[in-house]
Amino acid sequence: MIEDKRKSSRQRLFLRGFIRMPQKDSTIDCIVRNISETGAKLRFRCTPSITDSFELHIPAKEQIVQSKLAWIEGCEVGISFEQNLAFVTPSPSDGELLSRMARLEDEITSLKQMLKCLQNEVSKTEAA
């Protein structure tokens, strides 16, 4: 079992956001995939070229948070907040949406695995 080293629990999200890098005078669109009081995981269209310090804007929550880069793995980025973020726990209707989103993510993962298996089978057939 992998130990979770996070200081606070995460809330799964699928919200439009963007990061603003004042020193470069630029912004990059992203999707906020999860968030906690201390940080978030963001997904970009491609591997972003970002600075160590920037602002995360989440229009749907009307929030702007000073953030720091924690890690980058492909198109996903982990960030930490310079100050803890107070966010509202999801209402029951949000909970239903989060549950549906989790099921869809599981389905996408299954479909990706199935596609990979099919691609391997095609490769084996072409090699023969």
C-alpha atoms as a PDB file:
ATOM      1  CA  MET A   1       0.000   0.000   0.000  1.00  0.00           C
ATOM      2  CA  ILE A   2       1.314   3.444  -0.946  1.00  0.00           C
ATOM      3  CA  GLU A   3       1.498   5.895   1.931  1.00  0.00           C
ATOM      4  CA  ASP A   4      -0.298   9.180   1.319  1.00  0.00           C
ATOM      5  CA  LYS A   5       2.071  11.947   2.469  1.00  0.00           C
ATOM      6  CA  ARG A   6      -0.396  14.800   1.974  1.00  0.00           C
ATOM      7  CA  LYS A   7      -1.092  17.113   4.891  1.00  0.00           C
ATOM      8  CA  SER A   8      -4.804  17.480   4.042  1.00  0.00           C
ATOM      9  CA  SER A   9      -7.460  15.519   2.185  1.00  0.00           C
ATOM     10  CA  ARG A  10      -8.118  16.162  -1.501  1.00  0.00           C
ATOM     11  CA  GLN A  11     -11.356  17.147  -3.179  1.00  0.00           C
ATOM     12  CA  ARG A  12     -11.709  15.805  -6.723  1.00  0.00           C
ATOM     13  CA  LEU A  13     -12.650  18.489  -9.223  1.00  0.00           C
ATOM     14  CA  PHE A  14     -12.978  19.154 -12.901  1.00  0.00           C
ATOM     15  CA  LEU A  15     -12.829  22.934 -13.057  1.00  0.00           C
ATOM     16  CA  ARG A  16     -11.436  25.285 -15.659  1.00  0.00           C
ATOM     17  CA  GLY A  17      -8.529  27.292 -14.404  1.00  0.00           C
ATOM     18  CA  PHE A  18      -5.450  29.046 -15.598  1.00  0.00           C
ATOM     19  CA  ILE A  19      -2.110  29.965 -14.217  1.00  0.00           C
ATOM     20  CA  ARG A  20      -0.714  33.459 -14.524  1.00  0.00           C
ATOM     21  CA  MET A  21       3.012  34.060 -14.480  1.00  0.00           C
ATOM     22  CA  PRO A  22       3.482  37.798 -13.834  1.00  0.00           C
ATOM     23  CA  GLN A  23       7.234  37.664 -14.500  1.00  0.00           C
ATOM     24  CA  LYS A  24       6.557  36.319 -18.027  1.00  0.00           C
ATOM     25  CA  ASP A  25       3.304  38.295 -18.436  1.00  0.00           C
ATOM     26  CA  SER A  26       1.553  35.141 -19.689  1.00  0.00           C
ATOM     27  CA  THR A  27      -1.247  32.735 -18.813  1.00  0.00           C
ATOM     28  CA  ILE A  28      -1.804  29.031 -19.526  1.00  0.00           C
ATOM     29  CA  ASP A  29      -5.217  27.301 -19.414  1.00  0.00           C
ATOM     30  CA  CYS A  30      -5.571  24.175 -17.281  1.00  0.00           C
ATOM     31  CA  ILE A  31      -8.059  21.882 -15.589  1.00  0.00           C
ATOM     32  CA  VAL A  32      -8.001  21.645 -11.779  1.00  0.00           C
ATOM     33  CA  ARG A  33      -8.268  17.892 -11.138  1.00  0.00           C
ATOM     34  CA  ASN A  34      -8.096  17.923  -7.349  1.00  0.00           C
ATOM     35  CA  ILE A  35      -7.524  20.436  -4.611  1.00  0.00           C
ATOM     36  CA  SER A  36      -6.809  20.533  -0.891  1.00  0.00           C
ATOM     37  CA  GLU A  37      -6.038  23.249   1.622  1.00  0.00           C
ATOM     38  CA  THR A  38      -2.332  23.001   0.779  1.00  0.00           C
ATOM     39  CA  GLY A  39      -2.169  22.309  -2.969  1.00  0.00           C
ATOM     40  CA  ALA A  40      -3.702  21.005  -6.171  1.00  0.00           C
ATOM     41  CA  LYS A  41      -3.157  18.823  -9.215  1.00  0.00           C
ATOM     42  CA  LEU A  42      -3.540  20.552 -12.568  1.00  0.00           C
ATOM     43  CA  ARG A  43      -3.798  19.056 -16.054  1.00  0.00           C
ATOM     44  CA  PHE A  44      -2.618  20.903 -19.168  1.00  0.00           C
ATOM     45  CA  ARG A  45      -2.985  20.145 -22.888  1.00  0.00           C
ATOM     46  CA  CYS A  46       0.746  19.485 -23.106  1.00  0.00           C
ATOM     47  CA  THR A  47       3.742  19.665 -20.802  1.00  0.00           C
ATOM     48  CA  PRO A  48       3.747  23.280 -19.604  1.00  0.00           C
ATOM     49  CA  SER A  49       6.767  25.528 -19.437  1.00  0.00           C
ATOM     50  CA  ILE A  50       6.114  27.255 -16.141  1.00  0.00           C
ATOM     51  CA  THR A  51       8.094  29.113 -13.516  1.00  0.00           C
ATOM     52  CA  ASP A  52       8.498  27.995  -9.905  1.00  0.00           C
ATOM     53  CA  SER A  53       6.082  30.641  -8.618  1.00  0.00           C
ATOM     54  CA  PHE A  54       2.755  31.753 -10.164  1.00  0.00           C
ATOM     55  CA  GLU A  55      -0.921  32.516  -9.499  1.00  0.00           C
ATOM     56  CA  LEU A  56      -3.640  29.878  -9.927  1.00  0.00           C
ATOM     57  CA  HIS A  57      -6.973  31.387 -11.004  1.00  0.00           C
ATOM     58  CA  ILE A  58     -10.150  29.311 -10.572  1.00  0.00           C
ATOM     59  CA  PRO A  59     -12.996  31.404 -12.064  1.00  0.00           C
ATOM     60  CA  ALA A  60     -15.840  29.080 -10.932  1.00  0.00           C
ATOM     61  CA  LYS A  61     -14.723  29.433  -7.314  1.00  0.00           C
ATOM     62  CA  GLU A  62     -13.725  33.076  -7.749  1.00  0.00           C
ATOM     63  CA  GLN A  63     -10.325  32.298  -6.272  1.00  0.00           C
ATOM     64  CA  ILE A  64      -6.780  33.405  -6.994  1.00  0.00           C
ATOM     65  CA  VAL A  65      -4.057  31.559  -5.094  1.00  0.00           C
ATOM     66  CA  GLN A  66      -0.310  32.243  -4.977  1.00  0.00           C
ATOM     67  CA  SER A  67       1.255  28.885  -5.823  1.00  0.00           C
ATOM     68  CA  LYS A  68       4.566  27.085  -6.197  1.00  0.00           C
ATOM     69  CA  LEU A  69       5.516  24.240  -8.497  1.00  0.00           C
ATOM     70  CA  ALA A  70       5.899  20.920  -6.639  1.00  0.00           C
ATOM     71  CA  TRP A  71       6.260  18.434  -9.537  1.00  0.00           C
ATOM     72  CA  ILE A  72       5.633  17.924 -13.266  1.00  0.00           C
ATOM     73  CA  GLU A  73       4.803  14.594 -14.872  1.00  0.00           C
ATOM     74  CA  GLY A  74       3.888  14.933 -18.529  1.00  0.00           C
ATOM     75  CA  CYS A  75       0.781  17.088 -18.795  1.00  0.00           C
ATOM     76  CA  GLU A  76       0.051  16.963 -15.062  1.00  0.00           C
ATOM     77  CA  VAL A  77       1.468  19.353 -12.485  1.00  0.00           C
ATOM     78  CA  GLY A  78       1.393  19.291  -8.708  1.00  0.00           C
ATOM     79  CA  ILE A  79       1.397  22.632  -6.934  1.00  0.00           C
ATOM     80  CA  SER A  80       1.519  23.840  -3.361  1.00  0.00           C
ATOM     81  CA  PHE A  81      -0.179  26.970  -2.092  1.00  0.00           C
ATOM     82  CA  GLU A  82       1.838  29.656  -0.327  1.00  0.00           C
ATOM     83  CA  GLN A  83      -1.011  29.984   2.193  1.00  0.00           C
ATOM     84  CA  ASN A  84      -3.600  27.359   3.106  1.00  0.00           C
ATOM     85  CA  LEU A  85      -6.741  27.620   1.014  1.00  0.00           C
ATOM     86  CA  ALA A  86     -10.139  27.575   2.693  1.00  0.00           C
ATOM     87  CA  PHE A  87     -12.481  25.799   0.314  1.00  0.00           C
ATOM     88  CA  VAL A  88     -16.096  24.844   0.759  1.00  0.00           C
ATOM     89  CA  THR A  89     -16.958  21.173   1.174  1.00  0.00           C
ATOM     90  CA  PRO A  90     -19.100  20.020  -1.761  1.00  0.00           C
ATOM     91  CA  SER A  91     -22.866  20.121  -1.331  1.00  0.00           C
ATOM     92  CA  PRO A  92     -24.867  16.894  -1.963  1.00  0.00           C
ATOM     93  CA  SER A  93     -25.420  17.863  -5.607  1.00  0.00           C
ATOM     94  CA  ASP A  94     -21.673  18.408  -5.955  1.00  0.00           C
ATOM     95  CA  GLY A  95     -21.141  14.998  -4.312  1.00  0.00           C
ATOM     96  CA  GLU A  96     -23.298  13.357  -6.950  1.00  0.00           C
ATOM     97  CA  LEU A  97     -21.302  15.074  -9.659  1.00  0.00           C
ATOM     98  CA  LEU A  98     -18.012  14.021  -8.038  1.00  0.00           C
ATOM     99  CA  SER A  99     -19.233  10.429  -7.797  1.00  0.00           C
ATOM    100  CA  ARG A 100     -20.236  10.422 -11.455  1.00  0.00           C
ATOM    101  CA  MET A 101     -16.896  11.960 -12.396  1.00  0.00           C
ATOM    102  CA  ALA A 102     -15.027   9.224 -10.477  1.00  0.00           C
ATOM    103  CA  ARG A 103     -17.010   6.515 -12.312  1.00  0.00           C
ATOM    104  CA  LEU A 104     -16.246   8.165 -15.662  1.00  0.00           C
ATOM    105  CA  GLU A 105     -12.542   8.380 -14.809  1.00  0.00           C
ATOM    106  CA  ASP A 106     -12.552   4.653 -13.977  1.00  0.00           C
ATOM    107  CA  GLU A 107     -14.294   3.931 -17.271  1.00  0.00           C
ATOM    108  CA  ILE A 108     -11.743   6.012 -19.186  1.00  0.00           C
ATOM    109  CA  THR A 109      -8.901   4.119 -17.499  1.00  0.00           C
ATOM    110  CA  SER A 110     -10.509   0.793 -18.498  1.00  0.00           C
ATOM    111  CA  LEU A 111     -10.996   1.954 -22.073  1.00  0.00           C
ATOM    112  CA  LYS A 112      -7.364   3.103 -22.282  1.00  0.00           C
ATOM    113  CA  GLN A 113      -6.200  -0.321 -21.068  1.00  0.00           C
ATOM    114  CA  MET A 114      -8.454  -2.051 -23.600  1.00  0.00           C
ATOM    115  CA  LEU A 115      -7.138   0.176 -26.384  1.00  0.00           C
ATOM    116  CA  LYS A 116      -3.545  -0.604 -25.405  1.00  0.00           C
ATOM    117  CA  CYS A 117      -4.288  -4.352 -25.514  1.00  0.00           C
ATOM    118  CA  LEU A 118      -5.904  -4.001 -28.937  1.00  0.00           C
ATOM    119  CA  GLN A 119      -2.932  -1.985 -30.216  1.00  0.00           C
ATOM    120  CA  ASN A 120      -0.579  -4.706 -28.965  1.00  0.00           C
ATOM    121  CA  GLU A 121      -2.643  -7.356 -30.767  1.00  0.00           C
ATOM    122  CA  VAL A 122      -2.534  -5.341 -34.009  1.00  0.00           C
ATOM    123  CA  SER A 123       1.238  -4.944 -33.658  1.00  0.00           C
ATOM    124  CA  LYS A 124       1.666  -8.701 -33.140  1.00  0.00           C
ATOM    125  CA  THR A 125      -0.507  -9.435 -36.195  1.00  0.00           C
ATOM    126  CA  GLU A 126       1.454  -6.975 -38.359  1.00  0.00           C
ATOM    127  CA  ALA A 127       4.770  -8.437 -37.202  1.00  0.00           C
ATOM    128  CA  ALA A 128       3.723 -11.992 -38.167  1.00  0.00           C
END
